[in-house]
Amino acid sequence: MEFLLHNTASGERDPIQASDGKTVRFYCCGPTVYGPAHIGNFRTFLIQDLFRRVCEASGLKTTHVRNVTDVDDKTIRESMAQGMALREFTASWQEKFEKDCAELNLLAPHHSPSAVDHIDEQIRLIEQLMEKGHAYQGNDGSVYFRVSSFDRYGELAHIRRDAQKENADGRINSDDEYSKDDVADFALWKSRKEEDGANYWESPWGDGRPGWHIECSAMSMRYLGPSIDVHGGGVDLTFPHHENEIAQSEAATGERFVRHWFHSAHLMVEGRKMSKSLGNLYTLADLKEKGYQPEEVRWALLSGHYRKTLNFTFDSLKAAQKALGRIGDLVEKLDLQAEDIDDLAPDQLEGDFRSAWESLLTDLNVPQALGFLMKEISRGEKSAGSLSKDEAVRWFASCRALLNTIGVNLEAWLSRRVSEEDTAASAPEEISKMAEARWAAKKEKDFAEADRLRNEISEAGWLVKDTPDGFELTPVS
């Protein structure tokens, strides 16, 4: 089967292909590193990771580029507020982001370029646009792209030319707080401002810094060439960011910038928009503190179709936990040693496992794939006692192959579960009794008593962590 994926530009499911016949070259808009990434950010990155895994499992080689935005209004503002150099500030948040990526089992991109490290490429691209008459310098020294010079502007987002000044939904290129000839024009180079402090670079147009949009075009061209196969990002980037990328890239090179546009929908939490005021901008650390494992978070964030808004709930996390628990129980019942079982390729899968794989090849239909997987889990539970050793091995290898394609590391989850069970079992009896008394006090809403017991347990050298179903005890290291 071909790998078919919805193309925002065509509105159709188009096959994923390597235009050079060798490697699918794809670019993903990465994080802006000024704070911790939340689950809304990670939903997009997980979907992009799933796309790559399905590509590679289907036999397609990939070159994956995901940039790091380490210079913009937010990174400059926050670094200066904390009295830190921009490099030092963004490096610390990038390190945190990459650690979370590793825990969520995201494949590392082949290239992860920094905007600051590619200032020269951005200046050269702006120079090309100036030479071809697509850009101009405003009276404040900033350089802008002249949207009226590019006839195809608005095609990706399906915005009519006569509606561009209002940008259809009321948005304009409002990230540019500088003078320009037309409200639809956008900044390529922003002249130095006093509030930017020492965060500026020399250019032919004076000291300043690049605009956000030019960064992605320059870095994509640097690592993938002027024309690429796939470009991914959240649906909120379709306009104006991706529209601007197309305009500046194609105006500079005269070549088609992207063949296949791939956008993922928004995330809501318990039926509400994420916001600081609602306290639901959950990070991976927040969810781990509540007792959920990274594999369960990944399962829950991928459980809805990528083109539909996902309502992330704690019930969905519990469902992921329960599904993995059923698999773990079944593996124990089958008495298998996972490390001794060879991997299977997706094209070797059979039955509902095969149907699940075909669902992934059809516009990354994860909900349908997980439905087929759960049918196989139910079948395995019913027939576990009658399966031969070879049949049991085949079942486990098939299950692991599918989960690996989705990116859920079953063995890491199983290993962590065993470790937690061993740790809990090793807690002294008096510590376990105090933890049980604390849990009972908490259920009775006697929080003062619960806090007192937590402190006693901590003083005795143990940490108690709440989980969805109770608590865990771990020794202080």
Protein backbone atom coordinates (compact mmCIF):
# COMPACT_ATOMS: atom_id res chain seq x y z
CA MET A 1 0.00 0.00 0.00
CA GLU A 2 1.03 3.60 -0.63
CA PHE A 3 1.33 5.98 2.29
CA LEU A 4 -1.46 8.53 1.72
CA LEU A 5 -1.59 11.79 3.65
CA HIS A 6 -3.93 14.77 3.46
CA ASN A 7 -2.28 17.67 1.64
CA THR A 8 -3.43 21.08 2.88
CA ALA A 9 -2.58 22.65 -0.46
CA SER A 10 -4.55 20.22 -2.67
CA GLY A 11 -7.25 19.29 -0.15
CA GLU A 12 -6.73 15.65 -1.17
CA ARG A 13 -5.01 12.57 0.20
CA ASP A 14 -1.84 12.49 -1.84
CA PRO A 15 0.86 9.80 -1.79
CA ILE A 16 4.06 10.54 0.09
CA GLN A 17 6.91 10.31 -2.37
CA ALA A 18 10.58 11.21 -2.55
CA SER A 19 10.83 13.67 -5.45
CA ASP A 20 14.46 12.69 -6.03
CA GLY A 21 13.54 9.00 -5.93
CA LYS A 22 15.75 8.49 -2.86
CA THR A 23 14.78 10.37 0.29
CA VAL A 24 11.66 12.11 1.59
CA ARG A 25 12.93 15.53 2.66
CA PHE A 26 10.70 17.16 5.25
CA TYR A 27 10.85 20.23 7.44
CA CYS A 28 8.96 20.87 10.68
CA CYS A 29 8.57 24.15 12.49
CA GLY A 30 10.19 23.53 15.86
CA PRO A 31 9.96 25.04 19.33
CA THR A 32 10.47 28.63 20.39
CA VAL A 33 12.75 28.09 23.36
CA TYR A 34 11.71 30.61 26.00
CA GLY A 35 9.92 28.26 28.45
CA PRO A 36 8.85 24.63 28.88
CA ALA A 37 6.96 23.00 26.02
CA HIS A 38 3.43 21.97 26.98
CA ILE A 39 1.30 19.08 25.76
CA GLY A 40 -0.24 21.20 23.01
CA ASN A 41 3.23 21.74 21.55
CA PHE A 42 4.09 18.08 21.94
CA ARG A 43 0.94 16.88 20.20
CA THR A 44 2.22 18.53 17.01
CA PHE A 45 5.75 17.20 17.43
CA LEU A 46 4.45 13.69 18.19
CA ILE A 47 2.34 13.69 15.03
CA GLN A 48 5.37 14.72 13.01
CA ASP A 49 7.35 11.93 14.67
CA LEU A 50 4.58 9.47 13.79
CA PHE A 51 4.71 10.66 10.18
CA ARG A 52 8.44 9.94 10.04
CA ARG A 53 8.05 6.53 11.68
CA VAL A 54 5.35 5.47 9.20
CA CYS A 55 7.48 6.71 6.31
CA GLU A 56 10.46 4.70 7.44
CA ALA A 57 8.42 1.61 8.36
CA SER A 58 6.94 1.67 4.84
CA GLY A 59 10.43 1.63 3.32
CA LEU A 60 10.91 5.35 2.62
CA LYS A 61 14.17 6.97 3.68
CA THR A 62 13.84 10.40 5.28
CA THR A 63 15.81 13.53 6.03
CA HIS A 64 14.06 15.30 8.87
CA VAL A 65 14.81 18.93 9.78
CA ARG A 66 13.22 20.61 12.81
CA ASN A 67 14.43 24.11 13.58
CA VAL A 68 14.88 25.88 16.90
CA THR A 69 13.59 29.45 17.13
CA ASP A 70 16.08 31.01 19.53
CA VAL A 71 15.68 34.64 18.53
CA ASP A 72 12.35 36.45 18.47
CA ASP A 73 10.43 38.91 20.63
CA LYS A 74 9.69 36.30 23.32
CA THR A 75 13.20 34.86 23.68
CA ILE A 76 14.73 38.34 23.79
CA ARG A 77 12.18 39.70 26.26
CA GLU A 78 12.40 36.74 28.66
CA SER A 79 16.20 36.44 28.55
CA MET A 80 16.61 40.13 29.34
CA ALA A 81 14.02 39.94 32.14
CA GLN A 82 16.11 37.18 33.74
CA GLY A 83 19.39 39.00 33.15
CA MET A 84 20.78 36.19 30.99
CA ALA A 85 22.57 36.25 27.66
CA LEU A 86 20.25 35.09 24.87
CA ARG A 87 22.42 32.05 24.04
CA GLU A 88 22.59 30.88 27.64
CA PHE A 89 18.88 31.39 28.18
CA THR A 90 17.68 29.58 25.05
CA ALA A 91 20.21 26.76 25.43
CA SER A 92 18.80 25.85 28.84
CA TRP A 93 15.23 25.64 27.48
CA GLN A 94 16.37 23.74 24.38
CA GLU A 95 18.06 21.18 26.63
CA LYS A 96 14.83 20.78 28.60
CA PHE A 97 12.83 20.39 25.38
CA GLU A 98 15.16 17.72 24.02
CA LYS A 99 15.04 15.82 27.32
CA ASP A 100 11.23 15.77 27.15
CA CYS A 101 11.44 14.64 23.51
CA ALA A 102 13.65 11.72 24.50
CA GLU A 103 11.27 10.69 27.29
CA LEU A 104 8.34 10.79 24.87
CA ASN A 105 10.38 8.65 22.46
CA LEU A 106 10.58 11.18 19.62
CA LEU A 107 13.20 10.34 17.03
CA ALA A 108 15.91 13.00 16.98
CA PRO A 109 15.79 15.06 13.76
CA HIS A 110 18.66 14.58 11.36
CA HIS A 111 19.25 18.32 11.64
CA SER A 112 18.07 20.71 14.36
CA PRO A 113 19.31 24.12 13.18
CA SER A 114 19.26 27.22 15.35
CA ALA A 115 18.05 30.51 13.89
CA VAL A 116 20.94 32.36 15.58
CA ASP A 117 23.46 30.02 13.96
CA HIS A 118 22.04 30.77 10.49
CA ILE A 119 21.93 34.57 10.41
CA ASP A 120 24.22 34.66 7.34
CA GLU A 121 21.88 32.39 5.35
CA GLN A 122 18.94 34.61 6.25
CA ILE A 123 20.77 37.77 5.16
CA ARG A 124 21.72 36.19 1.82
CA LEU A 125 18.09 35.17 1.19
CA ILE A 126 16.88 38.70 1.97
CA GLU A 127 19.51 40.09 -0.42
CA GLN A 128 18.12 37.87 -3.20
CA LEU A 129 14.61 39.18 -2.55
CA MET A 130 15.82 42.77 -2.57
CA GLU A 131 17.67 42.24 -5.87
CA LYS A 132 14.53 40.78 -7.50
CA GLY A 133 12.27 43.58 -6.33
CA HIS A 134 10.25 41.48 -3.86
CA ALA A 135 11.50 43.35 -0.79
CA TYR A 136 12.11 46.94 0.27
CA GLN A 137 13.60 48.86 3.15
CA GLY A 138 11.16 50.94 5.18
CA ASN A 139 11.88 54.37 6.55
CA ASP A 140 12.79 52.83 9.92
CA GLY A 141 15.54 50.68 8.39
CA SER A 142 13.60 47.40 8.54
CA VAL A 143 13.21 45.26 5.41
CA TYR A 144 9.80 43.98 4.29
CA PHE A 145 8.49 41.47 1.78
CA ARG A 146 6.18 43.09 -0.74
CA VAL A 147 3.18 40.72 -0.77
CA SER A 148 1.69 42.33 -3.89
CA SER A 149 4.75 41.19 -5.87
CA PHE A 150 3.84 37.50 -5.42
CA ASP A 151 0.74 36.49 -7.35
CA ARG A 152 0.14 33.19 -5.54
CA TYR A 153 0.03 34.68 -2.05
CA GLY A 154 -2.92 33.26 -0.15
CA GLU A 155 -3.32 29.98 -2.07
CA LEU A 156 -2.30 27.67 0.79
CA ALA A 157 -4.76 29.22 3.23
CA HIS A 158 -7.32 29.77 0.43
CA ILE A 159 -7.48 33.51 1.07
CA ARG A 160 -8.76 35.65 -1.82
CA ARG A 161 -6.53 38.44 -3.07
CA ASP A 162 -9.20 41.04 -2.34
CA ALA A 163 -9.44 39.84 1.27
CA GLN A 164 -5.73 39.70 2.05
CA LYS A 165 -5.58 43.00 3.89
CA GLU A 166 -7.95 41.59 6.47
CA ASN A 167 -6.46 38.12 6.12
CA ALA A 168 -9.87 36.42 6.11
CA ASP A 169 -10.10 35.83 9.86
CA GLY A 170 -8.99 39.24 10.99
CA ARG A 171 -5.32 38.36 11.44
CA ILE A 172 -2.61 40.43 9.83
CA ASN A 173 1.16 40.19 9.90
CA SER A 174 0.89 41.90 13.29
CA ASP A 175 4.14 40.49 14.63
CA ASP A 176 5.80 43.29 12.68
CA GLU A 177 5.60 46.47 14.73
CA TYR A 178 7.39 48.56 12.14
CA SER A 179 6.53 50.89 9.26
CA LYS A 180 5.66 49.23 5.97
CA ASP A 181 3.97 50.12 2.67
CA ASP A 182 1.05 47.72 3.04
CA VAL A 183 -0.56 46.04 6.04
CA ALA A 184 -0.14 42.61 4.35
CA ASP A 185 3.64 43.03 3.99
CA PHE A 186 5.81 41.29 6.56
CA ALA A 187 9.23 41.89 8.08
CA LEU A 188 12.28 40.05 6.78
CA TRP A 189 14.77 42.07 8.83
CA LYS A 190 13.85 44.11 11.92
CA SER A 191 15.96 47.16 12.65
CA ARG A 192 17.61 47.43 16.02
CA LYS A 193 15.43 48.71 18.88
CA GLU A 194 16.57 49.87 22.29
CA GLU A 195 14.49 47.20 24.05
CA ASP A 196 16.40 44.46 22.17
CA GLY A 197 19.53 45.27 24.17
CA ALA A 198 22.63 43.56 22.82
CA ASN A 199 20.59 41.13 20.70
CA TYR A 200 21.36 42.39 17.21
CA TRP A 201 23.52 41.54 14.21
CA GLU A 202 25.15 43.53 11.42
CA SER A 203 23.53 43.52 7.99
CA PRO A 204 23.60 45.53 4.73
CA TRP A 205 20.53 47.39 6.08
CA GLY A 206 21.98 48.22 9.47
CA ASP A 207 22.04 46.46 12.83
CA GLY A 208 19.02 44.34 13.66
CA ARG A 209 17.68 40.82 13.68
CA PRO A 210 15.76 38.53 11.31
CA GLY A 211 11.99 38.30 11.20
CA TRP A 212 10.46 35.01 12.27
CA HIS A 213 9.25 33.89 8.84
CA ILE A 214 12.59 34.20 7.02
CA GLU A 215 14.27 31.85 9.51
CA CYS A 216 12.41 28.74 8.36
CA SER A 217 12.94 29.36 4.65
CA ALA A 218 16.65 29.93 5.09
CA MET A 219 17.21 26.87 7.27
CA SER A 220 15.04 24.63 5.11
CA MET A 221 17.01 25.62 2.01
CA ARG A 222 20.32 25.18 3.83
CA TYR A 223 19.67 21.53 4.71
CA LEU A 224 17.07 20.35 2.16
CA GLY A 225 17.53 22.52 -0.91
CA PRO A 226 15.16 25.02 -2.56
CA SER A 227 12.33 22.53 -3.03
CA ILE A 228 11.22 19.95 -0.44
CA ASP A 229 8.76 17.08 -0.27
CA VAL A 230 6.84 17.71 2.99
CA HIS A 231 6.46 20.58 5.42
CA GLY A 232 4.67 20.06 8.75
CA GLY A 233 3.32 22.24 11.53
CA GLY A 234 0.28 23.12 13.59
CA VAL A 235 -2.80 24.37 11.79
CA ASP A 236 -2.32 27.78 13.40
CA LEU A 237 0.86 28.23 11.33
CA THR A 238 -0.92 27.84 8.00
CA PHE A 239 -1.47 31.58 7.87
CA PRO A 240 0.45 33.76 7.94
CA HIS A 241 3.67 31.86 8.73
CA HIS A 242 3.55 29.12 6.09
CA GLU A 243 1.97 31.42 3.54
CA ASN A 244 4.87 33.81 4.09
CA GLU A 245 7.41 31.00 3.80
CA ILE A 246 6.02 30.06 0.39
CA ALA A 247 6.05 33.66 -0.85
CA GLN A 248 9.60 34.51 0.18
CA SER A 249 11.05 31.14 -0.85
CA GLU A 250 9.48 30.92 -4.29
CA ALA A 251 10.05 34.60 -5.03
CA ALA A 252 13.75 34.09 -4.31
CA THR A 253 14.33 30.79 -6.15
CA GLY A 254 11.59 30.58 -8.76
CA GLU A 255 11.03 26.95 -7.70
CA ARG A 256 8.11 25.30 -5.96
CA PHE A 257 8.92 25.41 -2.26
CA VAL A 258 6.86 22.51 -0.83
CA ARG A 259 5.04 19.66 -2.57
CA HIS A 260 3.02 18.43 0.40
CA TRP A 261 1.75 20.52 3.33
CA PHE A 262 0.90 18.62 6.51
CA HIS A 263 -0.98 20.36 9.35
CA SER A 264 -2.27 19.06 12.68
CA ALA A 265 -5.26 20.38 14.61
CA HIS A 266 -5.39 22.08 17.99
CA LEU A 267 -5.49 20.47 21.43
CA MET A 268 -8.05 21.20 24.14
CA VAL A 269 -7.86 20.05 27.75
CA GLU A 270 -10.98 18.68 29.42
CA GLY A 271 -13.09 20.51 26.83
CA ARG A 272 -11.43 23.89 27.37
CA LYS A 273 -8.76 25.89 25.58
CA MET A 274 -5.32 25.74 27.13
CA SER A 275 -4.33 28.90 28.97
CA LYS A 276 -2.23 30.03 31.89
CA SER A 277 -5.29 31.49 33.59
CA LEU A 278 -7.04 28.09 33.60
CA GLY A 279 -3.93 26.33 34.86
CA ASN A 280 -4.16 23.64 32.17
CA LEU A 281 -0.95 24.27 30.23
CA TYR A 282 0.34 20.89 31.36
CA THR A 283 3.94 19.90 30.73
CA LEU A 284 5.31 16.36 30.69
CA ALA A 285 6.74 17.00 34.17
CA ASP A 286 3.28 17.97 35.43
CA LEU A 287 1.75 14.73 34.17
CA LYS A 288 4.59 12.59 35.52
CA GLU A 289 4.09 14.22 38.91
CA LYS A 290 0.46 13.10 38.73
CA GLY A 291 1.63 9.51 38.24
CA TYR A 292 1.49 9.05 34.45
CA GLN A 293 4.31 7.59 32.41
CA PRO A 294 5.66 9.14 29.16
CA GLU A 295 4.38 6.15 27.13
CA GLU A 296 0.86 6.76 28.46
CA VAL A 297 1.10 10.47 27.64
CA ARG A 298 2.24 9.67 24.11
CA TRP A 299 -0.60 7.17 23.62
CA ALA A 300 -3.19 9.70 24.82
CA LEU A 301 -1.83 12.57 22.69
CA LEU A 302 -1.88 10.42 19.56
CA SER A 303 -5.22 8.75 20.24
CA GLY A 304 -7.29 11.22 18.19
CA HIS A 305 -7.03 11.85 14.47
CA TYR A 306 -4.39 14.49 13.77
CA ARG A 307 -6.74 16.60 11.62
CA LYS A 308 -9.39 16.81 14.33
CA THR A 309 -9.20 18.81 17.54
CA LEU A 310 -8.17 16.46 20.35
CA ASN A 311 -9.87 16.82 23.71
CA PHE A 312 -7.13 15.69 26.07
CA THR A 313 -8.58 14.37 29.35
CA PHE A 314 -7.31 12.53 32.37
CA ASP A 315 -9.77 9.80 31.45
CA SER A 316 -7.86 9.40 28.17
CA LEU A 317 -4.63 9.04 30.16
CA LYS A 318 -6.25 6.42 32.36
CA ALA A 319 -7.48 4.60 29.23
CA ALA A 320 -3.91 4.58 27.87
CA GLN A 321 -2.66 3.32 31.22
CA LYS A 322 -5.28 0.57 31.24
CA ALA A 323 -4.52 -0.51 27.65
CA LEU A 324 -0.80 -0.78 28.36
CA GLY A 325 -1.61 -2.57 31.61
CA ARG A 326 -3.63 -5.16 29.70
CA ILE A 327 -0.73 -5.70 27.32
CA GLY A 328 1.68 -6.01 30.25
CA ASP A 329 -0.56 -8.52 32.02
CA LEU A 330 -0.85 -10.55 28.83
CA VAL A 331 2.91 -10.58 28.28
CA GLU A 332 3.35 -11.86 31.84
CA LYS A 333 0.70 -14.52 31.25
CA LEU A 334 2.41 -15.63 28.05
CA ASP A 335 5.70 -15.86 30.01
CA LEU A 336 7.77 -14.24 27.27
CA GLN A 337 11.28 -12.79 27.37
CA ALA A 338 10.93 -9.75 25.14
CA GLU A 339 14.66 -9.36 24.51
CA ASP A 340 14.78 -12.81 22.89
CA ILE A 341 12.06 -12.03 20.33
CA ASP A 342 13.03 -10.72 16.89
CA ASP A 343 11.34 -7.66 15.43
CA LEU A 344 8.74 -7.93 12.68
CA ALA A 345 8.40 -5.57 9.73
CA PRO A 346 4.93 -4.04 9.21
CA ASP A 347 4.44 -5.92 5.96
CA GLN A 348 4.76 -9.18 7.94
CA LEU A 349 1.77 -8.39 10.14
CA GLU A 350 -1.45 -10.35 9.84
CA GLY A 351 -5.09 -10.09 10.92
CA ASP A 352 -6.11 -7.02 12.87
CA PHE A 353 -2.46 -6.08 13.35
CA ARG A 354 -2.24 -5.80 9.57
CA SER A 355 -5.44 -3.74 9.48
CA ALA A 356 -3.97 -1.41 12.09
CA TRP A 357 -0.86 -0.88 9.96
CA GLU A 358 -2.99 -0.14 6.89
CA SER A 359 -4.92 2.42 8.96
CA LEU A 360 -1.67 4.26 9.67
CA LEU A 361 -0.89 4.28 5.95
CA THR A 362 -4.28 5.90 5.31
CA ASP A 363 -3.85 9.47 6.54
CA LEU A 364 -2.33 8.40 9.86
CA ASN A 365 -5.62 7.09 11.22
CA VAL A 366 -4.39 6.33 14.74
CA PRO A 367 -7.85 5.96 16.34
CA GLN A 368 -8.72 3.22 13.86
CA ALA A 369 -5.31 1.60 14.30
CA LEU A 370 -5.70 1.53 18.09
CA GLY A 371 -9.17 0.04 17.66
CA PHE A 372 -7.72 -2.88 15.69
CA LEU A 373 -4.93 -3.22 18.25
CA MET A 374 -7.42 -3.48 21.11
CA LYS A 375 -9.29 -6.21 19.21
CA GLU A 376 -6.03 -8.16 19.05
CA ILE A 377 -5.43 -7.60 22.75
CA SER A 378 -8.89 -8.97 23.54
CA ARG A 379 -8.25 -11.95 21.29
CA GLY A 380 -4.90 -12.57 23.01
CA GLU A 381 -6.49 -12.41 26.45
CA LYS A 382 -9.10 -14.99 25.49
CA SER A 383 -6.69 -17.40 23.82
CA ALA A 384 -3.52 -16.90 25.87
CA GLY A 385 -3.84 -20.28 27.58
CA SER A 386 -4.18 -22.17 24.30
CA LEU A 387 -1.47 -20.43 22.26
CA SER A 388 1.61 -22.41 21.34
CA LYS A 389 5.00 -20.87 22.13
CA ASP A 390 5.46 -19.87 18.48
CA GLU A 391 1.99 -18.32 18.35
CA ALA A 392 2.64 -16.38 21.57
CA VAL A 393 5.94 -15.09 20.21
CA ARG A 394 4.27 -14.10 16.96
CA TRP A 395 1.54 -12.23 18.83
CA PHE A 396 4.00 -10.31 20.98
CA ALA A 397 6.28 -9.47 18.04
CA SER A 398 3.29 -8.19 16.06
CA CYS A 399 2.06 -6.08 18.97
CA ARG A 400 5.51 -4.62 19.56
CA ALA A 401 5.99 -3.87 15.85
CA LEU A 402 2.79 -1.88 15.74
CA LEU A 403 3.53 -0.02 18.98
CA ASN A 404 7.06 0.76 17.75
CA THR A 405 5.56 2.31 14.62
CA ILE A 406 3.29 4.47 16.78
CA GLY A 407 6.35 5.19 18.94
CA VAL A 408 5.12 3.66 22.20
CA ASN A 409 8.10 1.92 23.79
CA LEU A 410 6.44 -1.13 25.31
CA GLU A 411 9.59 -2.57 26.84
CA ALA A 412 10.47 0.71 28.58
CA TRP A 413 6.97 0.83 30.03
CA LEU A 414 7.10 -2.83 31.13
CA SER A 415 10.53 -2.33 32.70
CA ARG A 416 9.34 0.74 34.60
CA ARG A 417 6.27 -1.10 35.85
CA VAL A 418 8.40 -3.96 37.20
CA SER A 419 10.78 -1.48 38.83
CA GLU A 420 7.92 0.38 40.52
CA GLU A 421 6.40 -2.86 41.77
CA ASP A 422 9.76 -3.96 43.19
CA THR A 423 10.32 -0.58 44.87
CA ALA A 424 6.85 -0.51 46.40
CA ALA A 425 7.30 -4.06 47.66
CA SER A 426 10.59 -3.11 49.33
CA ALA A 427 9.15 -0.29 51.44
CA PRO A 428 9.24 -1.08 55.19
CA GLU A 429 5.88 -2.03 56.68
CA GLU A 430 5.65 1.06 58.90
CA ILE A 431 6.28 3.34 55.88
CA SER A 432 3.62 1.55 53.86
CA LYS A 433 1.13 1.91 56.72
CA MET A 434 1.82 5.65 57.00
CA ALA A 435 1.36 6.02 53.24
CA GLU A 436 -1.95 4.17 53.40
CA ALA A 437 -3.08 6.36 56.32
CA ARG A 438 -2.09 9.48 54.35
CA TRP A 439 -4.07 8.26 51.31
CA ALA A 440 -7.12 7.65 53.50
CA ALA A 441 -6.79 11.13 55.06
CA LYS A 442 -6.56 12.69 51.64
CA LYS A 443 -9.72 10.91 50.47
CA GLU A 444 -11.47 12.25 53.58
CA LYS A 445 -10.17 15.73 52.64
CA ASP A 446 -8.19 15.92 55.87
CA PHE A 447 -5.33 17.64 54.08
CA ALA A 448 -3.56 18.78 57.23
CA GLU A 449 -3.20 15.16 58.39
CA ALA A 450 -2.20 14.08 54.87
CA ASP A 451 0.55 16.71 54.80
CA ARG A 452 1.76 15.73 58.27
CA LEU A 453 2.08 12.09 57.24
CA ARG A 454 3.82 13.03 53.98
CA ASN A 455 6.41 14.96 56.02
CA GLU A 456 6.93 12.00 58.36
CA ILE A 457 7.42 9.66 55.41
CA SER A 458 9.88 12.11 53.85
CA GLU A 459 11.85 12.43 57.09
CA ALA A 460 12.09 8.63 57.13
CA GLY A 461 13.81 8.71 53.72
CA TRP A 462 10.89 7.96 51.39
CA LEU A 463 8.94 9.94 48.83
CA VAL A 464 5.23 9.32 48.34
CA LYS A 465 3.78 10.21 44.94
CA ASP A 466 0.09 10.16 44.13
CA THR A 467 -1.06 8.11 41.13
CA PRO A 468 -4.49 7.87 39.49
CA ASP A 469 -5.18 4.71 41.49
CA GLY A 470 -3.39 5.38 44.76
CA PHE A 471 0.23 6.16 45.56
CA GLU A 472 3.81 5.04 44.97
CA LEU A 473 6.70 4.94 47.42
CA THR A 474 10.27 5.52 46.31
CA PRO A 475 13.40 5.80 48.46
CA VAL A 476 15.15 9.17 48.51
CA SER A 477 18.28 8.75 46.43
